[in-house]
Amino acid sequence: MNINEYYSLLGLNPGASVAEIKKAYRRKVMQYHPDRNPDPRASSMFIRITEAYQYLISIPAQQKAREEERQNYYNAWVEYRREEARKKAENYAKESYAKFRESELYKSTNYIDGRIIGFGFGLSIFIIGYTIYGYLYRVSVAESALEMPSVPLMILSLAVGLVFLVITVLYYLAWIEDRKKEKDGKECENKKPV
């Protein structure tokens, strides 16, 4: 296999971002893990896509590397790490899918997407705003004590909104840190002498 075949196995174009590689690998794992796919060829396909993922995720600053550097890195990979990656993949193929999801390799595919963060902020603000508006509206139209809105229910709804907001802020901070690391890695690669 060559570098372009690794990208092709994951359904990606050469130079795909780390987030795209992680996302593609997760999709392919769900499709080809032998525990989920009874096809006899699924195990070998799973091993090949796992090998491809391990290689592509290990390329330093893959977008900025020259073709010669990428080829040298690939040759070193073939010589030293490819067989190790295949053995690990074969072991993962023998495990149940649930156990594989607990492996460090699978956990390395976690990625944070900006759309998820935007959705989280939107949802949490909607819940908080709708809870406050709904409570105040119900108080203003209530004509008797029986029609008054439930304070514990309002507090519970606000708590849910606040929990979503805190989780989203934590994801946002992790996303910023992730982007900073990626940017720093690219800057270090650009500063290396040619």
N, C-alpha and C. Protein backbone atom coordinates (compact mmCIF):
# COMPACT_ATOMS: atom_id res chain seq x y z
N MET A 1 0.83 -1.18 0.00
CA MET A 1 0.00 0.00 0.00
C MET A 1 0.88 1.25 0.00
N ASN A 2 0.39 2.30 -0.64
CA ASN A 2 1.12 3.57 -0.58
C ASN A 2 0.28 4.60 0.16
N ILE A 3 0.83 5.79 0.29
CA ILE A 3 0.19 6.84 1.09
C ILE A 3 -1.20 7.17 0.56
N ASN A 4 -1.34 7.31 -0.75
CA ASN A 4 -2.63 7.67 -1.33
C ASN A 4 -3.67 6.57 -1.11
N GLU A 5 -3.22 5.31 -1.07
CA GLU A 5 -4.15 4.22 -0.80
C GLU A 5 -4.68 4.29 0.64
N TYR A 6 -3.84 4.76 1.55
CA TYR A 6 -4.29 4.94 2.93
C TYR A 6 -5.43 5.95 2.98
N TYR A 7 -5.26 7.08 2.29
CA TYR A 7 -6.33 8.07 2.25
C TYR A 7 -7.58 7.47 1.59
N SER A 8 -7.38 6.75 0.51
CA SER A 8 -8.49 6.16 -0.24
C SER A 8 -9.27 5.16 0.63
N LEU A 9 -8.56 4.36 1.41
CA LEU A 9 -9.23 3.39 2.29
C LEU A 9 -10.20 4.07 3.25
N LEU A 10 -9.83 5.26 3.69
CA LEU A 10 -10.70 5.99 4.61
C LEU A 10 -11.70 6.88 3.88
N GLY A 11 -11.63 6.87 2.54
CA GLY A 11 -12.56 7.68 1.76
C GLY A 11 -12.21 9.16 1.79
N LEU A 12 -10.92 9.47 1.87
CA LEU A 12 -10.47 10.85 1.99
C LEU A 12 -9.57 11.24 0.82
N ASN A 13 -9.45 12.54 0.62
CA ASN A 13 -8.49 13.05 -0.35
C ASN A 13 -7.16 13.28 0.36
N PRO A 14 -6.04 13.12 -0.34
CA PRO A 14 -4.74 13.38 0.29
C PRO A 14 -4.70 14.79 0.88
N GLY A 15 -4.09 14.88 2.06
CA GLY A 15 -4.00 16.17 2.74
C GLY A 15 -5.18 16.47 3.64
N ALA A 16 -6.04 15.47 3.89
CA ALA A 16 -7.20 15.69 4.77
C ALA A 16 -6.72 16.09 6.16
N SER A 17 -7.54 16.86 6.86
CA SER A 17 -7.18 17.33 8.20
C SER A 17 -7.26 16.17 9.20
N VAL A 18 -6.65 16.38 10.36
CA VAL A 18 -6.68 15.37 11.41
C VAL A 18 -8.12 15.08 11.82
N ALA A 19 -8.93 16.11 11.95
CA ALA A 19 -10.34 15.90 12.32
C ALA A 19 -11.07 15.06 11.28
N GLU A 20 -10.80 15.31 9.99
CA GLU A 20 -11.44 14.52 8.93
C GLU A 20 -10.98 13.07 8.99
N ILE A 21 -9.69 12.85 9.28
CA ILE A 21 -9.15 11.49 9.37
C ILE A 21 -9.83 10.75 10.52
N LYS A 22 -9.95 11.40 11.67
CA LYS A 22 -10.57 10.76 12.83
C LYS A 22 -12.03 10.43 12.56
N LYS A 23 -12.73 11.36 11.95
CA LYS A 23 -14.16 11.16 11.65
C LYS A 23 -14.34 10.01 10.65
N ALA A 24 -13.51 9.98 9.62
CA ALA A 24 -13.61 8.93 8.60
C ALA A 24 -13.29 7.56 9.21
N TYR A 25 -12.29 7.51 10.07
CA TYR A 25 -11.93 6.24 10.69
C TYR A 25 -13.07 5.71 11.55
N ARG A 26 -13.69 6.57 12.33
CA ARG A 26 -14.82 6.13 13.15
C ARG A 26 -15.93 5.54 12.29
N ARG A 27 -16.23 6.22 11.17
CA ARG A 27 -17.29 5.71 10.28
C ARG A 27 -16.92 4.33 9.75
N LYS A 28 -15.67 4.19 9.29
CA LYS A 28 -15.24 2.92 8.70
C LYS A 28 -15.19 1.80 9.74
N VAL A 29 -14.80 2.12 10.97
CA VAL A 29 -14.75 1.12 12.03
C VAL A 29 -16.14 0.57 12.30
N MET A 30 -17.12 1.46 12.36
CA MET A 30 -18.49 1.00 12.59
C MET A 30 -18.96 0.11 11.44
N GLN A 31 -18.45 0.37 10.26
CA GLN A 31 -18.87 -0.39 9.09
C GLN A 31 -18.16 -1.74 8.98
N TYR A 32 -16.87 -1.81 9.35
CA TYR A 32 -16.08 -3.01 9.07
C TYR A 32 -15.61 -3.81 10.27
N HIS A 33 -15.86 -3.38 11.51
CA HIS A 33 -15.41 -4.19 12.64
C HIS A 33 -16.09 -5.55 12.54
N PRO A 34 -15.31 -6.64 12.65
CA PRO A 34 -15.88 -7.98 12.48
C PRO A 34 -17.03 -8.30 13.44
N ASP A 35 -17.07 -7.65 14.56
CA ASP A 35 -18.15 -7.87 15.51
C ASP A 35 -19.47 -7.28 14.99
N ARG A 36 -19.38 -6.31 14.10
CA ARG A 36 -20.57 -5.65 13.54
C ARG A 36 -20.87 -6.09 12.12
N ASN A 37 -19.88 -6.63 11.42
CA ASN A 37 -20.04 -6.99 10.02
C ASN A 37 -19.70 -8.47 9.85
N PRO A 38 -20.66 -9.32 9.48
CA PRO A 38 -20.42 -10.76 9.37
C PRO A 38 -19.66 -11.18 8.11
N ASP A 39 -19.44 -10.26 7.18
CA ASP A 39 -18.73 -10.59 5.95
C ASP A 39 -17.32 -11.08 6.30
N PRO A 40 -16.88 -12.20 5.71
CA PRO A 40 -15.55 -12.74 6.02
C PRO A 40 -14.41 -11.77 5.66
N ARG A 41 -14.66 -10.87 4.73
CA ARG A 41 -13.62 -9.91 4.34
C ARG A 41 -13.57 -8.69 5.26
N ALA A 42 -14.53 -8.57 6.15
CA ALA A 42 -14.60 -7.41 7.03
C ALA A 42 -13.37 -7.32 7.94
N SER A 43 -12.90 -8.47 8.43
CA SER A 43 -11.75 -8.46 9.33
C SER A 43 -10.50 -7.90 8.64
N SER A 44 -10.23 -8.35 7.42
CA SER A 44 -9.04 -7.85 6.72
C SER A 44 -9.21 -6.37 6.35
N MET A 45 -10.43 -5.97 6.03
CA MET A 45 -10.66 -4.55 5.73
C MET A 45 -10.48 -3.71 6.99
N PHE A 46 -10.97 -4.21 8.12
CA PHE A 46 -10.79 -3.51 9.38
C PHE A 46 -9.30 -3.33 9.69
N ILE A 47 -8.52 -4.37 9.48
CA ILE A 47 -7.08 -4.31 9.73
C ILE A 47 -6.44 -3.27 8.82
N ARG A 48 -6.83 -3.25 7.56
CA ARG A 48 -6.25 -2.30 6.61
C ARG A 48 -6.62 -0.85 6.96
N ILE A 49 -7.87 -0.60 7.33
CA ILE A 49 -8.25 0.78 7.65
C ILE A 49 -7.61 1.23 8.97
N THR A 50 -7.42 0.29 9.90
CA THR A 50 -6.75 0.63 11.15
C THR A 50 -5.29 0.97 10.89
N GLU A 51 -4.65 0.20 10.03
CA GLU A 51 -3.26 0.50 9.63
C GLU A 51 -3.20 1.88 8.97
N ALA A 52 -4.13 2.15 8.08
CA ALA A 52 -4.16 3.44 7.39
C ALA A 52 -4.34 4.58 8.38
N TYR A 53 -5.26 4.40 9.33
CA TYR A 53 -5.50 5.44 10.34
C TYR A 53 -4.25 5.69 11.17
N GLN A 54 -3.63 4.62 11.63
CA GLN A 54 -2.45 4.78 12.47
C GLN A 54 -1.33 5.50 11.72
N TYR A 55 -1.20 5.20 10.44
CA TYR A 55 -0.17 5.90 9.67
C TYR A 55 -0.54 7.37 9.47
N LEU A 56 -1.75 7.62 8.99
CA LEU A 56 -2.13 9.00 8.66
C LEU A 56 -2.15 9.91 9.88
N ILE A 57 -2.51 9.37 11.03
CA ILE A 57 -2.58 10.19 12.23
C ILE A 57 -1.18 10.47 12.77
N SER A 58 -0.21 9.69 12.36
CA SER A 58 1.15 9.87 12.88
C SER A 58 2.02 10.76 12.01
N ILE A 59 1.52 11.15 10.83
CA ILE A 59 2.33 11.99 9.94
C ILE A 59 2.49 13.37 10.57
N PRO A 60 3.72 13.81 10.78
CA PRO A 60 3.90 15.15 11.37
C PRO A 60 3.57 16.23 10.35
N ALA A 61 2.70 17.15 10.76
CA ALA A 61 2.32 18.31 9.93
C ALA A 61 2.14 17.89 8.48
N GLN A 62 1.24 16.94 8.27
CA GLN A 62 1.10 16.30 6.97
C GLN A 62 0.80 17.25 5.81
N GLN A 63 0.09 18.32 6.05
CA GLN A 63 -0.26 19.20 4.94
C GLN A 63 0.95 19.98 4.42
N LYS A 64 1.89 20.28 5.29
CA LYS A 64 3.01 21.13 4.90
C LYS A 64 4.26 20.35 4.48
N ALA A 65 4.28 19.08 4.70
CA ALA A 65 5.46 18.28 4.38
C ALA A 65 5.64 18.19 2.86
N ARG A 66 6.89 18.23 2.44
CA ARG A 66 7.17 18.07 1.01
C ARG A 66 6.99 16.60 0.64
N GLU A 67 6.83 16.34 -0.63
CA GLU A 67 6.60 14.97 -1.10
C GLU A 67 7.76 14.06 -0.70
N GLU A 68 8.98 14.55 -0.80
CA GLU A 68 10.15 13.75 -0.44
C GLU A 68 10.13 13.39 1.05
N GLU A 69 9.77 14.36 1.90
CA GLU A 69 9.69 14.10 3.35
C GLU A 69 8.61 13.06 3.65
N ARG A 70 7.46 13.21 2.98
CA ARG A 70 6.38 12.24 3.21
C ARG A 70 6.80 10.85 2.77
N GLN A 71 7.51 10.75 1.65
CA GLN A 71 7.96 9.44 1.17
C GLN A 71 8.97 8.83 2.13
N ASN A 72 9.89 9.64 2.64
CA ASN A 72 10.86 9.14 3.61
C ASN A 72 10.16 8.65 4.88
N TYR A 73 9.19 9.41 5.33
CA TYR A 73 8.45 9.02 6.52
C TYR A 73 7.68 7.73 6.26
N TYR A 74 7.08 7.62 5.09
CA TYR A 74 6.33 6.41 4.75
C TYR A 74 7.27 5.19 4.72
N ASN A 75 8.44 5.35 4.12
CA ASN A 75 9.40 4.24 4.06
C ASN A 75 9.82 3.80 5.46
N ALA A 76 10.04 4.76 6.36
CA ALA A 76 10.39 4.42 7.74
C ALA A 76 9.22 3.71 8.42
N TRP A 77 8.02 4.18 8.13
CA TRP A 77 6.82 3.54 8.68
C TRP A 77 6.75 2.08 8.25
N VAL A 78 6.93 1.83 6.96
CA VAL A 78 6.85 0.47 6.43
C VAL A 78 7.90 -0.40 7.10
N GLU A 79 9.09 0.15 7.27
CA GLU A 79 10.19 -0.65 7.81
C GLU A 79 10.03 -0.95 9.30
N TYR A 80 9.53 0.00 10.07
CA TYR A 80 9.56 -0.17 11.53
C TYR A 80 8.20 -0.37 12.19
N ARG A 81 7.17 0.32 11.75
CA ARG A 81 5.94 0.33 12.52
C ARG A 81 4.76 -0.36 11.87
N ARG A 82 4.84 -0.63 10.60
CA ARG A 82 3.69 -1.19 9.89
C ARG A 82 3.27 -2.54 10.46
N GLU A 83 4.24 -3.42 10.68
CA GLU A 83 3.92 -4.75 11.18
C GLU A 83 3.32 -4.68 12.58
N GLU A 84 3.85 -3.78 13.40
CA GLU A 84 3.32 -3.58 14.75
C GLU A 84 1.87 -3.10 14.67
N ALA A 85 1.60 -2.18 13.76
CA ALA A 85 0.24 -1.65 13.60
C ALA A 85 -0.71 -2.76 13.14
N ARG A 86 -0.26 -3.60 12.24
CA ARG A 86 -1.11 -4.70 11.76
C ARG A 86 -1.43 -5.68 12.88
N LYS A 87 -0.42 -6.01 13.70
CA LYS A 87 -0.67 -6.95 14.81
C LYS A 87 -1.69 -6.39 15.79
N LYS A 88 -1.56 -5.10 16.10
CA LYS A 88 -2.55 -4.48 16.99
C LYS A 88 -3.93 -4.51 16.36
N ALA A 89 -3.99 -4.21 15.06
CA ALA A 89 -5.28 -4.21 14.37
C ALA A 89 -5.90 -5.61 14.37
N GLU A 90 -5.08 -6.64 14.18
CA GLU A 90 -5.58 -8.01 14.21
C GLU A 90 -6.16 -8.34 15.59
N ASN A 91 -5.49 -7.87 16.64
CA ASN A 91 -6.01 -8.10 17.99
C ASN A 91 -7.33 -7.35 18.21
N TYR A 92 -7.40 -6.12 17.71
CA TYR A 92 -8.64 -5.36 17.84
C TYR A 92 -9.76 -6.03 17.06
N ALA A 93 -9.43 -6.65 15.93
CA ALA A 93 -10.45 -7.32 15.12
C ALA A 93 -11.02 -8.54 15.84
N LYS A 94 -10.24 -9.13 16.73
CA LYS A 94 -10.70 -10.31 17.47
C LYS A 94 -11.58 -9.93 18.67
N GLU A 95 -11.49 -8.67 19.10
CA GLU A 95 -12.28 -8.21 20.24
C GLU A 95 -13.70 -7.89 19.82
N SER A 96 -14.56 -7.79 20.80
CA SER A 96 -15.91 -7.31 20.50
C SER A 96 -15.82 -5.83 20.18
N TYR A 97 -16.81 -5.34 19.46
CA TYR A 97 -16.83 -3.92 19.10
C TYR A 97 -16.90 -3.06 20.36
N ALA A 98 -17.68 -3.50 21.34
CA ALA A 98 -17.81 -2.73 22.59
C ALA A 98 -16.46 -2.62 23.28
N LYS A 99 -15.69 -3.69 23.32
CA LYS A 99 -14.37 -3.65 23.95
C LYS A 99 -13.41 -2.78 23.13
N PHE A 100 -13.51 -2.87 21.80
CA PHE A 100 -12.65 -2.05 20.94
C PHE A 100 -12.90 -0.56 21.19
N ARG A 101 -14.16 -0.19 21.43
CA ARG A 101 -14.48 1.22 21.69
C ARG A 101 -13.82 1.74 22.95
N GLU A 102 -13.41 0.85 23.84
CA GLU A 102 -12.71 1.26 25.07
C GLU A 102 -11.20 1.34 24.87
N SER A 103 -10.70 0.95 23.70
CA SER A 103 -9.25 0.97 23.46
C SER A 103 -8.74 2.39 23.27
N GLU A 104 -7.44 2.55 23.52
CA GLU A 104 -6.80 3.86 23.34
C GLU A 104 -6.87 4.30 21.87
N LEU A 105 -6.76 3.36 20.95
CA LEU A 105 -6.81 3.70 19.53
C LEU A 105 -8.16 4.32 19.18
N TYR A 106 -9.23 3.68 19.60
CA TYR A 106 -10.55 4.23 19.29
C TYR A 106 -10.76 5.57 19.98
N LYS A 107 -10.34 5.68 21.22
CA LYS A 107 -10.49 6.93 21.96
C LYS A 107 -9.70 8.07 21.30
N SER A 108 -8.64 7.71 20.57
CA SER A 108 -7.85 8.76 19.90
C SER A 108 -8.61 9.40 18.75
N THR A 109 -9.74 8.81 18.37
CA THR A 109 -10.52 9.38 17.26
C THR A 109 -11.48 10.46 17.72
N ASN A 110 -11.54 10.72 19.01
CA ASN A 110 -12.41 11.80 19.50
C ASN A 110 -11.97 13.13 18.91
N TYR A 111 -12.90 13.86 18.47
CA TYR A 111 -12.59 15.18 17.91
C TYR A 111 -13.70 16.14 18.32
N ILE A 112 -13.36 17.40 18.33
CA ILE A 112 -14.33 18.42 18.70
C ILE A 112 -14.63 19.23 17.46
N ASP A 113 -15.88 19.35 17.16
CA ASP A 113 -16.32 20.04 15.96
C ASP A 113 -16.95 21.37 16.36
N GLY A 114 -16.63 22.43 15.64
CA GLY A 114 -17.17 23.75 15.93
C GLY A 114 -18.69 23.79 15.86
N ARG A 115 -19.29 22.96 14.99
CA ARG A 115 -20.75 22.94 14.88
C ARG A 115 -21.39 22.41 16.16
N ILE A 116 -20.74 21.43 16.78
CA ILE A 116 -21.26 20.88 18.02
C ILE A 116 -21.26 21.96 19.10
N ILE A 117 -20.19 22.74 19.14
CA ILE A 117 -20.09 23.81 20.13
C ILE A 117 -21.17 24.86 19.88
N GLY A 118 -21.36 25.25 18.63
CA GLY A 118 -22.41 26.23 18.30
C GLY A 118 -23.79 25.71 18.68
N PHE A 119 -24.04 24.45 18.39
CA PHE A 119 -25.32 23.84 18.76
C PHE A 119 -25.49 23.83 20.27
N GLY A 120 -24.42 23.51 20.99
CA GLY A 120 -24.49 23.48 22.46
C GLY A 120 -24.81 24.84 23.05
N PHE A 121 -24.14 25.88 22.53
CA PHE A 121 -24.44 27.24 23.01
C PHE A 121 -25.88 27.61 22.69
N GLY A 122 -26.30 27.33 21.48
CA GLY A 122 -27.67 27.66 21.07
C GLY A 122 -28.71 26.95 21.92
N LEU A 123 -28.50 25.65 22.14
CA LEU A 123 -29.44 24.87 22.93
C LEU A 123 -29.51 25.36 24.37
N SER A 124 -28.35 25.58 24.97
CA SER A 124 -28.35 26.00 26.38
C SER A 124 -29.00 27.38 26.55
N ILE A 125 -28.71 28.30 25.65
CA ILE A 125 -29.30 29.64 25.74
C ILE A 125 -30.81 29.57 25.49
N PHE A 126 -31.23 28.71 24.57
CA PHE A 126 -32.65 28.53 24.31
C PHE A 126 -33.36 27.99 25.55
N ILE A 127 -32.79 26.98 26.18
CA ILE A 127 -33.42 26.39 27.37
C ILE A 127 -33.52 27.42 28.49
N ILE A 128 -32.43 28.13 28.74
CA ILE A 128 -32.44 29.13 29.82
C ILE A 128 -33.44 30.25 29.50
N GLY A 129 -33.36 30.78 28.29
CA GLY A 129 -34.26 31.88 27.90
C GLY A 129 -35.71 31.47 27.90
N TYR A 130 -36.01 30.30 27.35
CA TYR A 130 -37.40 29.83 27.29
C TYR A 130 -37.94 29.55 28.68
N THR A 131 -37.09 29.04 29.56
CA THR A 131 -37.52 28.77 30.94
C THR A 131 -37.88 30.08 31.65
N ILE A 132 -37.03 31.07 31.55
CA ILE A 132 -37.29 32.35 32.21
C ILE A 132 -38.51 33.02 31.60
N TYR A 133 -38.55 33.07 30.27
CA TYR A 133 -39.70 33.70 29.60
C TYR A 133 -41.00 32.97 29.95
N GLY A 134 -40.96 31.65 29.87
CA GLY A 134 -42.16 30.86 30.16
C GLY A 134 -42.65 31.04 31.58
N TYR A 135 -41.71 31.07 32.51
CA TYR A 135 -42.09 31.26 33.91
C TYR A 135 -42.72 32.65 34.11
N LEU A 136 -42.07 33.67 33.61
CA LEU A 136 -42.59 35.03 33.78
C LEU A 136 -43.94 35.21 33.07
N TYR A 137 -44.07 34.60 31.91
CA TYR A 137 -45.34 34.69 31.18
C TYR A 137 -46.46 34.01 31.97
N ARG A 138 -46.17 32.80 32.48
CA ARG A 138 -47.20 32.07 33.25
C ARG A 138 -47.58 32.82 34.52
N VAL A 139 -46.61 33.48 35.14
CA VAL A 139 -46.91 34.27 36.34
C VAL A 139 -47.83 35.44 35.98
N SER A 140 -47.54 36.07 34.83
CA SER A 140 -48.33 37.25 34.44
C SER A 140 -49.77 36.91 34.03
N VAL A 141 -50.02 35.72 33.53
CA VAL A 141 -51.38 35.37 33.10
C VAL A 141 -52.14 34.54 34.13
N ALA A 142 -51.48 34.13 35.20
CA ALA A 142 -52.14 33.30 36.22
C ALA A 142 -53.18 34.14 36.96
N GLU A 143 -54.35 33.57 37.05
CA GLU A 143 -55.44 34.29 37.73
C GLU A 143 -55.69 33.74 39.12
N SER A 144 -55.12 32.60 39.43
CA SER A 144 -55.30 32.03 40.77
C SER A 144 -54.01 31.31 41.16
N ALA A 145 -53.94 30.92 42.42
CA ALA A 145 -52.75 30.23 42.92
C ALA A 145 -52.55 28.88 42.24
N LEU A 146 -53.63 28.25 41.80
CA LEU A 146 -53.52 26.95 41.12
C LEU A 146 -52.90 27.08 39.73
N GLU A 147 -53.02 28.22 39.13
CA GLU A 147 -52.47 28.44 37.78
C GLU A 147 -51.02 28.92 37.80
N MET A 148 -50.49 29.17 38.99
CA MET A 148 -49.11 29.62 39.10
C MET A 148 -48.16 28.51 38.64
N PRO A 149 -47.09 28.88 37.96
CA PRO A 149 -46.14 27.86 37.49
C PRO A 149 -45.34 27.27 38.65
N SER A 150 -44.83 26.10 38.41
CA SER A 150 -44.07 25.37 39.42
C SER A 150 -42.65 25.93 39.53
N VAL A 151 -42.29 26.40 40.71
CA VAL A 151 -40.94 26.93 40.93
C VAL A 151 -39.90 25.81 40.85
N PRO A 152 -40.13 24.64 41.46
CA PRO A 152 -39.14 23.56 41.35
C PRO A 152 -38.89 23.14 39.89
N LEU A 153 -39.97 23.12 39.09
CA LEU A 153 -39.81 22.76 37.68
C LEU A 153 -38.99 23.82 36.94
N MET A 154 -39.21 25.10 37.28
CA MET A 154 -38.42 26.16 36.67
C MET A 154 -36.95 26.02 37.06
N ILE A 155 -36.69 25.73 38.32
CA ILE A 155 -35.30 25.57 38.79
C ILE A 155 -34.65 24.38 38.11
N LEU A 156 -35.39 23.30 37.96
CA LEU A 156 -34.86 22.11 37.27
C LEU A 156 -34.53 22.43 35.81
N SER A 157 -35.41 23.14 35.12
CA SER A 157 -35.17 23.52 33.73
C SER A 157 -33.96 24.44 33.60
N LEU A 158 -33.85 25.39 34.51
CA LEU A 158 -32.68 26.28 34.51
C LEU A 158 -31.40 25.50 34.77
N ALA A 159 -31.47 24.53 35.68
CA ALA A 159 -30.29 23.71 35.97
C ALA A 159 -29.85 22.93 34.74
N VAL A 160 -30.80 22.37 34.01
CA VAL A 160 -30.47 21.64 32.77
C VAL A 160 -29.81 22.58 31.78
N GLY A 161 -30.36 23.76 31.60
CA GLY A 161 -29.76 24.75 30.69
C GLY A 161 -28.37 25.15 31.11
N LEU A 162 -28.16 25.34 32.40
CA LEU A 162 -26.85 25.72 32.91
C LEU A 162 -25.83 24.58 32.76
N VAL A 163 -26.28 23.36 32.96
CA VAL A 163 -25.38 22.21 32.76
C VAL A 163 -24.94 22.15 31.30
N PHE A 164 -25.89 22.30 30.37
CA PHE A 164 -25.53 22.34 28.95
C PHE A 164 -24.54 23.46 28.67
N LEU A 165 -24.76 24.60 29.27
CA LEU A 165 -23.89 25.75 29.05
C LEU A 165 -22.48 25.48 29.57
N VAL A 166 -22.36 24.93 30.77
CA VAL A 166 -21.04 24.63 31.34
C VAL A 166 -20.31 23.59 30.49
N ILE A 167 -21.01 22.54 30.09
CA ILE A 167 -20.38 21.51 29.25
C ILE A 167 -19.92 22.12 27.93
N THR A 168 -20.73 22.96 27.35
CA THR A 168 -20.36 23.59 26.08
C THR A 168 -19.15 24.49 26.24
N VAL A 169 -19.09 25.22 27.33
CA VAL A 169 -17.92 26.08 27.58
C VAL A 169 -16.67 25.23 27.73
N LEU A 170 -16.77 24.10 28.43
CA LEU A 170 -15.62 23.21 28.58
C LEU A 170 -15.18 22.65 27.22
N TYR A 171 -16.14 22.25 26.39
CA TYR A 171 -15.80 21.79 25.04
C TYR A 171 -15.16 22.90 24.23
N TYR A 172 -15.68 24.10 24.38
CA TYR A 172 -15.13 25.25 23.66
C TYR A 172 -13.67 25.48 24.06
N LEU A 173 -13.38 25.43 25.34
CA LEU A 173 -12.00 25.62 25.81
C LEU A 173 -11.09 24.51 25.29
N ALA A 174 -11.59 23.27 25.29
CA ALA A 174 -10.80 22.16 24.75
C ALA A 174 -10.58 22.32 23.25
N TRP A 175 -11.59 22.82 22.55
CA TRP A 175 -11.48 23.04 21.11
C TRP A 175 -10.43 24.11 20.80
N ILE A 176 -10.44 25.18 21.59
CA ILE A 176 -9.43 26.24 21.40
C ILE A 176 -8.03 25.68 21.64
N GLU A 177 -7.88 24.89 22.70
CA GLU A 177 -6.58 24.29 23.01
C GLU A 177 -6.13 23.35 21.89
N ASP A 178 -7.06 22.58 21.36
CA ASP A 178 -6.77 21.65 20.26
C ASP A 178 -6.30 22.41 19.02
N ARG A 179 -7.01 23.47 18.70
CA ARG A 179 -6.63 24.29 17.53
C ARG A 179 -5.29 24.97 17.75
N LYS A 180 -5.03 25.39 18.98
CA LYS A 180 -3.75 26.03 19.29
C LYS A 180 -2.60 25.05 19.11
N LYS A 181 -2.77 23.81 19.61
CA LYS A 181 -1.74 22.78 19.45
C LYS A 181 -1.49 22.49 17.97
N GLU A 182 -2.59 22.39 17.20
CA GLU A 182 -2.46 22.13 15.77
C GLU A 182 -1.72 23.27 15.08
N LYS A 183 -2.05 24.50 15.45
CA LYS A 183 -1.40 25.67 14.86
C LYS A 183 0.07 25.72 15.25
N ASP A 184 0.38 25.45 16.53
CA ASP A 184 1.77 25.45 16.99
C ASP A 184 2.57 24.37 16.28
N GLY A 185 1.96 23.21 16.06
CA GLY A 185 2.65 22.13 15.35
C GLY A 185 2.98 22.52 13.92
N LYS A 186 2.05 23.21 13.26
CA LYS A 186 2.30 23.65 11.89
C LYS A 186 3.37 24.72 11.85
N GLU A 187 3.38 25.63 12.85
CA GLU A 187 4.39 26.68 12.88
C GLU A 187 5.77 26.09 13.13
N CYS A 188 5.87 25.10 14.02
CA CYS A 188 7.16 24.44 14.27
C CYS A 188 7.66 23.74 13.02
N GLU A 189 6.76 23.12 12.30
CA GLU A 189 7.14 22.41 11.07
C GLU A 189 7.62 23.40 10.02
N ASN A 190 6.99 24.58 9.93
CA ASN A 190 7.39 25.59 8.96
C ASN A 190 8.73 26.20 9.30
N LYS A 191 9.11 26.23 10.57
CA LYS A 191 10.36 26.85 10.99
C LYS A 191 11.56 25.92 10.85
N LYS A 192 11.31 24.63 10.61
CA LYS A 192 12.43 23.68 10.46
C LYS A 192 13.26 24.07 9.25
N PRO A 193 14.60 23.96 9.39
CA PRO A 193 15.44 24.29 8.24
C PRO A 193 15.26 23.27 7.13
N VAL A 194 15.33 23.75 5.92
CA VAL A 194 15.10 22.88 4.75
C VAL A 194 16.39 22.26 4.29
